[in-house]
Amino acid sequence: MTPWLAIGAVALISFAFKAVGPAVLGDRELPPRARSVIALLAPALLAAFVVVNVVGAGWRDLDPTMVAGLAAVPALRLCRAPLPVAILGAVVVTALLRLVTG
């Protein structure tokens, strides 16, 4: 339940920033550096939530097969595979490793 509360809190904070930003800044635009940092916050937080859910608190629930499957996604994306193919590849890698390791 706690990760869902954190995700909800991040969504509310993000909404608040987006609502307050135009009121505070008016017609001025943020500098390009600030815009790039803000654009990267959501993916970084999502990645952190995924890592925490995969490895567990204190890395006690670490499942190497799932970590290998997750590592397959960026590898396939670097090979220019579409996102659905990369996700399917992660599932296949995880399933094969679990089959092999028993």
C-alpha atoms as a PDB file:
ATOM      1  CA  MET A   1       0.000   0.000   0.000  1.00  0.00           C
ATOM      2  CA  THR A   2       2.859   2.392   0.795  1.00  0.00           C
ATOM      3  CA  PRO A   3       4.209   2.574  -2.794  1.00  0.00           C
ATOM      4  CA  TRP A   4       0.735   3.526  -4.018  1.00  0.00           C
ATOM      5  CA  LEU A   5       0.544   6.294  -1.436  1.00  0.00           C
ATOM      6  CA  ALA A   6       3.937   7.550  -2.557  1.00  0.00           C
ATOM      7  CA  ILE A   7       2.888   7.444  -6.215  1.00  0.00           C
ATOM      8  CA  GLY A   8      -0.312   9.349  -5.353  1.00  0.00           C
ATOM      9  CA  ALA A   9       1.658  11.939  -3.372  1.00  0.00           C
ATOM     10  CA  VAL A  10       4.121  12.447  -6.237  1.00  0.00           C
ATOM     11  CA  ALA A  11       1.223  12.818  -8.680  1.00  0.00           C
ATOM     12  CA  LEU A  12      -0.445  15.426  -6.463  1.00  0.00           C
ATOM     13  CA  ILE A  13       2.796  17.342  -5.993  1.00  0.00           C
ATOM     14  CA  SER A  14       3.423  17.250  -9.738  1.00  0.00           C
ATOM     15  CA  PHE A  15      -0.093  18.537 -10.393  1.00  0.00           C
ATOM     16  CA  ALA A  16       0.393  21.311  -7.816  1.00  0.00           C
ATOM     17  CA  PHE A  17       3.676  22.392  -9.420  1.00  0.00           C
ATOM     18  CA  LYS A  18       2.057  22.465 -12.837  1.00  0.00           C
ATOM     19  CA  ALA A  19      -0.869  24.487 -11.511  1.00  0.00           C
ATOM     20  CA  VAL A  20       1.199  26.951  -9.463  1.00  0.00           C
ATOM     21  CA  GLY A  21       3.944  27.438 -12.065  1.00  0.00           C
ATOM     22  CA  PRO A  22       1.957  29.570 -14.528  1.00  0.00           C
ATOM     23  CA  ALA A  23       0.492  31.639 -11.692  1.00  0.00           C
ATOM     24  CA  VAL A  24       3.931  32.437 -10.276  1.00  0.00           C
ATOM     25  CA  LEU A  25       5.865  32.819 -13.504  1.00  0.00           C
ATOM     26  CA  GLY A  26       3.176  34.489 -15.585  1.00  0.00           C
ATOM     27  CA  ASP A  27       4.249  34.669 -19.209  1.00  0.00           C
ATOM     28  CA  ARG A  28       7.944  34.085 -18.478  1.00  0.00           C
ATOM     29  CA  GLU A  29       9.502  30.775 -19.415  1.00  0.00           C
ATOM     30  CA  LEU A  30      11.831  28.702 -17.283  1.00  0.00           C
ATOM     31  CA  PRO A  31      15.455  28.498 -18.339  1.00  0.00           C
ATOM     32  CA  PRO A  32      16.236  25.476 -20.546  1.00  0.00           C
ATOM     33  CA  ARG A  33      18.309  23.825 -17.791  1.00  0.00           C
ATOM     34  CA  ALA A  34      15.404  24.001 -15.311  1.00  0.00           C
ATOM     35  CA  ARG A  35      12.977  22.631 -17.903  1.00  0.00           C
ATOM     36  CA  SER A  36      15.243  19.656 -18.632  1.00  0.00           C
ATOM     37  CA  VAL A  37      15.605  18.856 -14.915  1.00  0.00           C
ATOM     38  CA  ILE A  38      11.838  19.041 -14.374  1.00  0.00           C
ATOM     39  CA  ALA A  39      11.225  16.829 -17.412  1.00  0.00           C
ATOM     40  CA  LEU A  40      13.532  14.145 -15.981  1.00  0.00           C
ATOM     41  CA  LEU A  41      12.019  14.086 -12.484  1.00  0.00           C
ATOM     42  CA  ALA A  42       9.019  11.884 -13.298  1.00  0.00           C
ATOM     43  CA  PRO A  43      10.998   9.137 -15.113  1.00  0.00           C
ATOM     44  CA  ALA A  44      13.616   9.127 -12.343  1.00  0.00           C
ATOM     45  CA  LEU A  45      10.973   8.742  -9.643  1.00  0.00           C
ATOM     46  CA  LEU A  46       9.237   5.997 -11.597  1.00  0.00           C
ATOM     47  CA  ALA A  47      12.539   4.142 -11.980  1.00  0.00           C
ATOM     48  CA  ALA A  48      13.143   4.470  -8.247  1.00  0.00           C
ATOM     49  CA  PHE A  49       9.707   3.033  -7.471  1.00  0.00           C
ATOM     50  CA  VAL A  50      10.372   0.088  -9.798  1.00  0.00           C
ATOM     51  CA  VAL A  51      13.747  -0.625  -8.192  1.00  0.00           C
ATOM     52  CA  VAL A  52      12.331  -0.466  -4.674  1.00  0.00           C
ATOM     53  CA  ASN A  53       9.496  -2.813  -5.616  1.00  0.00           C
ATOM     54  CA  VAL A  54      11.837  -5.267  -7.355  1.00  0.00           C
ATOM     55  CA  VAL A  55      14.583  -5.501  -4.722  1.00  0.00           C
ATOM     56  CA  GLY A  56      12.487  -4.844  -1.621  1.00  0.00           C
ATOM     57  CA  ALA A  57      13.407  -2.932   1.483  1.00  0.00           C
ATOM     58  CA  GLY A  58      17.069  -3.389   2.300  1.00  0.00           C
ATOM     59  CA  TRP A  59      17.542  -5.509  -0.849  1.00  0.00           C
ATOM     60  CA  ARG A  60      16.081  -8.536   0.980  1.00  0.00           C
ATOM     61  CA  ASP A  61      13.730  -9.600  -1.830  1.00  0.00           C
ATOM     62  CA  LEU A  62      16.289  -9.418  -4.626  1.00  0.00           C
ATOM     63  CA  ASP A  63      15.337 -11.748  -7.482  1.00  0.00           C
ATOM     64  CA  PRO A  64      18.255 -11.998  -9.944  1.00  0.00           C
ATOM     65  CA  THR A  65      16.019 -13.335 -12.710  1.00  0.00           C
ATOM     66  CA  MET A  66      13.796 -10.273 -12.510  1.00  0.00           C
ATOM     67  CA  VAL A  67      16.814  -7.959 -12.433  1.00  0.00           C
ATOM     68  CA  ALA A  68      18.138  -9.650 -15.582  1.00  0.00           C
ATOM     69  CA  GLY A  69      14.743  -9.242 -17.226  1.00  0.00           C
ATOM     70  CA  LEU A  70      14.655  -5.571 -16.342  1.00  0.00           C
ATOM     71  CA  ALA A  71      18.178  -5.157 -17.701  1.00  0.00           C
ATOM     72  CA  ALA A  72      16.987  -6.599 -21.004  1.00  0.00           C
ATOM     73  CA  VAL A  73      14.685  -3.619 -21.581  1.00  0.00           C
ATOM     74  CA  PRO A  74      17.358  -0.914 -21.965  1.00  0.00           C
ATOM     75  CA  ALA A  75      19.550  -3.360 -23.898  1.00  0.00           C
ATOM     76  CA  LEU A  76      16.768  -3.988 -26.392  1.00  0.00           C
ATOM     77  CA  ARG A  77      15.904  -0.286 -26.542  1.00  0.00           C
ATOM     78  CA  LEU A  78      19.543   0.473 -27.386  1.00  0.00           C
ATOM     79  CA  CYS A  79      19.113  -1.931 -30.298  1.00  0.00           C
ATOM     80  CA  ARG A  80      16.174   0.252 -31.377  1.00  0.00           C
ATOM     81  CA  ALA A  81      13.501  -2.297 -30.466  1.00  0.00           C
ATOM     82  CA  PRO A  82      10.028  -0.807 -29.947  1.00  0.00           C
ATOM     83  CA  LEU A  83       8.901  -0.573 -26.328  1.00  0.00           C
ATOM     84  CA  PRO A  84       6.342  -3.432 -26.540  1.00  0.00           C
ATOM     85  CA  VAL A  85       9.029  -5.700 -28.017  1.00  0.00           C
ATOM     86  CA  ALA A  86      11.488  -4.686 -25.279  1.00  0.00           C
ATOM     87  CA  ILE A  87       8.925  -5.443 -22.563  1.00  0.00           C
ATOM     88  CA  LEU A  88       8.103  -8.793 -24.151  1.00  0.00           C
ATOM     89  CA  GLY A  89      11.835  -9.494 -24.325  1.00  0.00           C
ATOM     90  CA  ALA A  90      12.138  -8.794 -20.598  1.00  0.00           C
ATOM     91  CA  VAL A  91       9.340 -11.240 -19.880  1.00  0.00           C
ATOM     92  CA  VAL A  92      10.977 -13.904 -22.043  1.00  0.00           C
ATOM     93  CA  VAL A  93      14.409 -13.404 -20.421  1.00  0.00           C
ATOM     94  CA  THR A  94      12.912 -13.623 -16.927  1.00  0.00           C
ATOM     95  CA  ALA A  95      10.850 -16.708 -17.791  1.00  0.00           C
ATOM     96  CA  LEU A  96      13.775 -18.516 -19.418  1.00  0.00           C
ATOM     97  CA  LEU A  97      16.095 -17.770 -16.506  1.00  0.00           C
ATOM     98  CA  ARG A  98      13.489 -18.999 -14.021  1.00  0.00           C
ATOM     99  CA  LEU A  99      13.014 -22.140 -16.107  1.00  0.00           C
ATOM    100  CA  VAL A 100      16.756 -22.810 -16.260  1.00  0.00           C
ATOM    101  CA  THR A 101      17.429 -22.074 -12.576  1.00  0.00           C
ATOM    102  CA  GLY A 102      14.407 -24.107 -11.494  1.00  0.00           C
END
